[in-house]
Amino acid sequence: MLEKFSTIGETRKRFRWEIPEHYNIGHDICDRWAEHDPGRLAIIDVTPDGTATEHSFGVLRAASNRLANLITTEGIADTRIAVLLPQSFETAVAHIGIIKTGNVSLP
């Protein structure tokens, strides 16, 4: 939690990020939830025709892990990967899978 200071200047001066040495945001936004409650609703994907499909964190973790494994197997590392998809479940899978590998996902 951000500590409250008397001025914005003091807040800026004293602010420090506390990031663990080994941190992966893909774990925090997907896998941690899937470990705790894999059936929990993660995404409701609504297509242009109005069809809605619900996806759980367990399904999201499995799909993003498959993509992360493919990226790793192909030897893609330390690079930026563009995701050229409309908003959808697959787009979320792509972004999460890419960041799990340590690459940078570009929308």
C-alpha atoms as a PDB file:
ATOM      1  CA  MET A   1       0.000   0.000   0.000  1.00  0.00           C
ATOM      2  CA  LEU A   2       1.266   3.463  -0.851  1.00  0.00           C
ATOM      3  CA  GLU A   3       2.249   5.371   2.265  1.00  0.00           C
ATOM      4  CA  LYS A   4       0.544   8.753   2.646  1.00  0.00           C
ATOM      5  CA  PHE A   5       2.806  11.799   2.716  1.00  0.00           C
ATOM      6  CA  SER A   6       1.963  15.479   3.149  1.00  0.00           C
ATOM      7  CA  THR A   7       2.866  16.566  -0.394  1.00  0.00           C
ATOM      8  CA  ILE A   8       2.979  15.030  -3.857  1.00  0.00           C
ATOM      9  CA  GLY A   9       6.672  15.977  -4.046  1.00  0.00           C
ATOM     10  CA  GLU A  10       7.454  14.013  -0.901  1.00  0.00           C
ATOM     11  CA  THR A  11       5.382  11.083  -2.204  1.00  0.00           C
ATOM     12  CA  ARG A  12       7.353  11.049  -5.472  1.00  0.00           C
ATOM     13  CA  LYS A  13      10.682  11.364  -3.683  1.00  0.00           C
ATOM     14  CA  ARG A  14      10.019   8.500  -1.280  1.00  0.00           C
ATOM     15  CA  PHE A  15       8.154   6.126  -3.591  1.00  0.00           C
ATOM     16  CA  ARG A  16       9.908   2.823  -4.399  1.00  0.00           C
ATOM     17  CA  TRP A  17       8.690  -0.154  -6.392  1.00  0.00           C
ATOM     18  CA  GLU A  18       8.947  -3.400  -4.473  1.00  0.00           C
ATOM     19  CA  ILE A  19       9.352  -6.046  -7.167  1.00  0.00           C
ATOM     20  CA  PRO A  20      10.667  -9.500  -6.272  1.00  0.00           C
ATOM     21  CA  GLU A  21      13.850 -10.653  -8.009  1.00  0.00           C
ATOM     22  CA  HIS A  22      11.921 -13.301  -9.937  1.00  0.00           C
ATOM     23  CA  TYR A  23       8.568 -11.882 -10.966  1.00  0.00           C
ATOM     24  CA  ASN A  24       6.267 -12.724 -13.849  1.00  0.00           C
ATOM     25  CA  ILE A  25       3.063 -10.757 -14.235  1.00  0.00           C
ATOM     26  CA  GLY A  26       1.578 -13.632 -16.268  1.00  0.00           C
ATOM     27  CA  HIS A  27       1.597 -15.664 -13.080  1.00  0.00           C
ATOM     28  CA  ASP A  28      -0.129 -12.895 -11.114  1.00  0.00           C
ATOM     29  CA  ILE A  29      -2.870 -12.134 -13.630  1.00  0.00           C
ATOM     30  CA  CYS A  30      -3.689 -15.730 -14.528  1.00  0.00           C
ATOM     31  CA  ASP A  31      -1.884 -18.619 -12.860  1.00  0.00           C
ATOM     32  CA  ARG A  32      -2.267 -17.445  -9.273  1.00  0.00           C
ATOM     33  CA  TRP A  33      -6.034 -17.264  -9.759  1.00  0.00           C
ATOM     34  CA  ALA A  34      -6.068 -20.652 -11.514  1.00  0.00           C
ATOM     35  CA  GLU A  35      -4.133 -22.256  -8.655  1.00  0.00           C
ATOM     36  CA  HIS A  36      -6.608 -20.925  -6.101  1.00  0.00           C
ATOM     37  CA  ASP A  37      -9.874 -21.461  -8.021  1.00  0.00           C
ATOM     38  CA  PRO A  38      -9.443 -22.915 -11.546  1.00  0.00           C
ATOM     39  CA  GLY A  39     -13.179 -22.841 -12.244  1.00  0.00           C
ATOM     40  CA  ARG A  40     -13.495 -19.131 -11.472  1.00  0.00           C
ATOM     41  CA  LEU A  41     -14.757 -17.026 -14.364  1.00  0.00           C
ATOM     42  CA  ALA A  42     -11.909 -15.138 -16.038  1.00  0.00           C
ATOM     43  CA  ILE A  43     -13.303 -13.903 -19.364  1.00  0.00           C
ATOM     44  CA  ILE A  44     -16.677 -13.585 -21.037  1.00  0.00           C
ATOM     45  CA  ASP A  45     -15.951 -13.476 -24.755  1.00  0.00           C
ATOM     46  CA  VAL A  46     -18.786 -11.866 -26.732  1.00  0.00           C
ATOM     47  CA  THR A  47     -18.603 -12.185 -30.517  1.00  0.00           C
ATOM     48  CA  PRO A  48     -20.008  -9.568 -32.935  1.00  0.00           C
ATOM     49  CA  ASP A  49     -23.163 -11.675 -33.367  1.00  0.00           C
ATOM     50  CA  GLY A  50     -23.781 -11.537 -29.597  1.00  0.00           C
ATOM     51  CA  THR A  51     -22.745 -15.092 -28.748  1.00  0.00           C
ATOM     52  CA  ALA A  52     -21.140 -15.180 -25.303  1.00  0.00           C
ATOM     53  CA  THR A  53     -18.646 -17.817 -24.171  1.00  0.00           C
ATOM     54  CA  GLU A  54     -17.345 -18.024 -20.619  1.00  0.00           C
ATOM     55  CA  HIS A  55     -13.746 -19.056 -19.927  1.00  0.00           C
ATOM     56  CA  SER A  56     -12.345 -19.990 -16.521  1.00  0.00           C
ATOM     57  CA  PHE A  57      -8.914 -19.190 -15.131  1.00  0.00           C
ATOM     58  CA  GLY A  58      -8.028 -22.877 -15.451  1.00  0.00           C
ATOM     59  CA  VAL A  59      -8.796 -22.817 -19.174  1.00  0.00           C
ATOM     60  CA  LEU A  60      -6.960 -19.499 -19.574  1.00  0.00           C
ATOM     61  CA  ARG A  61      -3.893 -20.896 -17.798  1.00  0.00           C
ATOM     62  CA  ALA A  62      -3.851 -24.059 -19.925  1.00  0.00           C
ATOM     63  CA  ALA A  63      -4.203 -22.127 -23.194  1.00  0.00           C
ATOM     64  CA  SER A  64      -1.608 -19.490 -22.303  1.00  0.00           C
ATOM     65  CA  ASN A  65       0.802 -22.209 -21.138  1.00  0.00           C
ATOM     66  CA  ARG A  66       0.435 -24.008 -24.482  1.00  0.00           C
ATOM     67  CA  LEU A  67       1.365 -20.806 -26.312  1.00  0.00           C
ATOM     68  CA  ALA A  68       4.224 -20.070 -23.895  1.00  0.00           C
ATOM     69  CA  ASN A  69       5.582 -23.586 -24.453  1.00  0.00           C
ATOM     70  CA  LEU A  70       5.414 -23.131 -28.233  1.00  0.00           C
ATOM     71  CA  ILE A  71       7.228 -19.790 -28.044  1.00  0.00           C
ATOM     72  CA  THR A  72       9.917 -21.347 -25.839  1.00  0.00           C
ATOM     73  CA  THR A  73      10.255 -24.425 -28.068  1.00  0.00           C
ATOM     74  CA  GLU A  74      10.732 -22.186 -31.102  1.00  0.00           C
ATOM     75  CA  GLY A  75      13.565 -20.390 -29.284  1.00  0.00           C
ATOM     76  CA  ILE A  76      11.878 -16.991 -29.361  1.00  0.00           C
ATOM     77  CA  ALA A  77      13.383 -14.946 -26.534  1.00  0.00           C
ATOM     78  CA  ASP A  78      14.168 -11.386 -25.489  1.00  0.00           C
ATOM     79  CA  THR A  79      12.037  -9.784 -28.154  1.00  0.00           C
ATOM     80  CA  ARG A  80       8.788  -7.987 -28.829  1.00  0.00           C
ATOM     81  CA  ILE A  81       5.882  -9.945 -30.281  1.00  0.00           C
ATOM     82  CA  ALA A  82       2.943  -8.129 -31.871  1.00  0.00           C
ATOM     83  CA  VAL A  83      -0.581  -9.430 -31.348  1.00  0.00           C
ATOM     84  CA  LEU A  84      -2.815  -8.416 -34.239  1.00  0.00           C
ATOM     85  CA  LEU A  85      -6.187  -9.695 -33.095  1.00  0.00           C
ATOM     86  CA  PRO A  86      -9.489  -8.078 -32.143  1.00  0.00           C
ATOM     87  CA  GLN A  87     -10.494  -8.266 -28.474  1.00  0.00           C
ATOM     88  CA  SER A  88     -11.248 -11.917 -27.752  1.00  0.00           C
ATOM     89  CA  PHE A  89     -10.315 -14.832 -25.531  1.00  0.00           C
ATOM     90  CA  GLU A  90      -7.510 -15.711 -27.949  1.00  0.00           C
ATOM     91  CA  THR A  91      -6.097 -12.190 -27.644  1.00  0.00           C
ATOM     92  CA  ALA A  92      -5.882 -12.539 -23.862  1.00  0.00           C
ATOM     93  CA  VAL A  93      -4.253 -15.957 -24.289  1.00  0.00           C
ATOM     94  CA  ALA A  94      -1.691 -14.450 -26.664  1.00  0.00           C
ATOM     95  CA  HIS A  95      -0.746 -11.551 -24.389  1.00  0.00           C
ATOM     96  CA  ILE A  96      -0.507 -13.741 -21.284  1.00  0.00           C
ATOM     97  CA  GLY A  97       1.383 -16.525 -23.071  1.00  0.00           C
ATOM     98  CA  ILE A  98       3.896 -14.053 -24.468  1.00  0.00           C
ATOM     99  CA  ILE A  99       4.606 -12.348 -21.156  1.00  0.00           C
ATOM    100  CA  LYS A 100       4.953 -15.701 -19.402  1.00  0.00           C
ATOM    101  CA  THR A 101       7.981 -16.321 -21.634  1.00  0.00           C
ATOM    102  CA  GLY A 102       9.621 -13.025 -20.665  1.00  0.00           C
ATOM    103  CA  ASN A 103       8.986 -11.476 -24.053  1.00  0.00           C
ATOM    104  CA  VAL A 104       7.144  -8.181 -24.545  1.00  0.00           C
ATOM    105  CA  SER A 105       3.607  -8.342 -25.929  1.00  0.00           C
ATOM    106  CA  LEU A 106       2.624  -5.500 -28.243  1.00  0.00           C
ATOM    107  CA  PRO A 107      -1.080  -4.841 -28.871  1.00  0.00           C
END
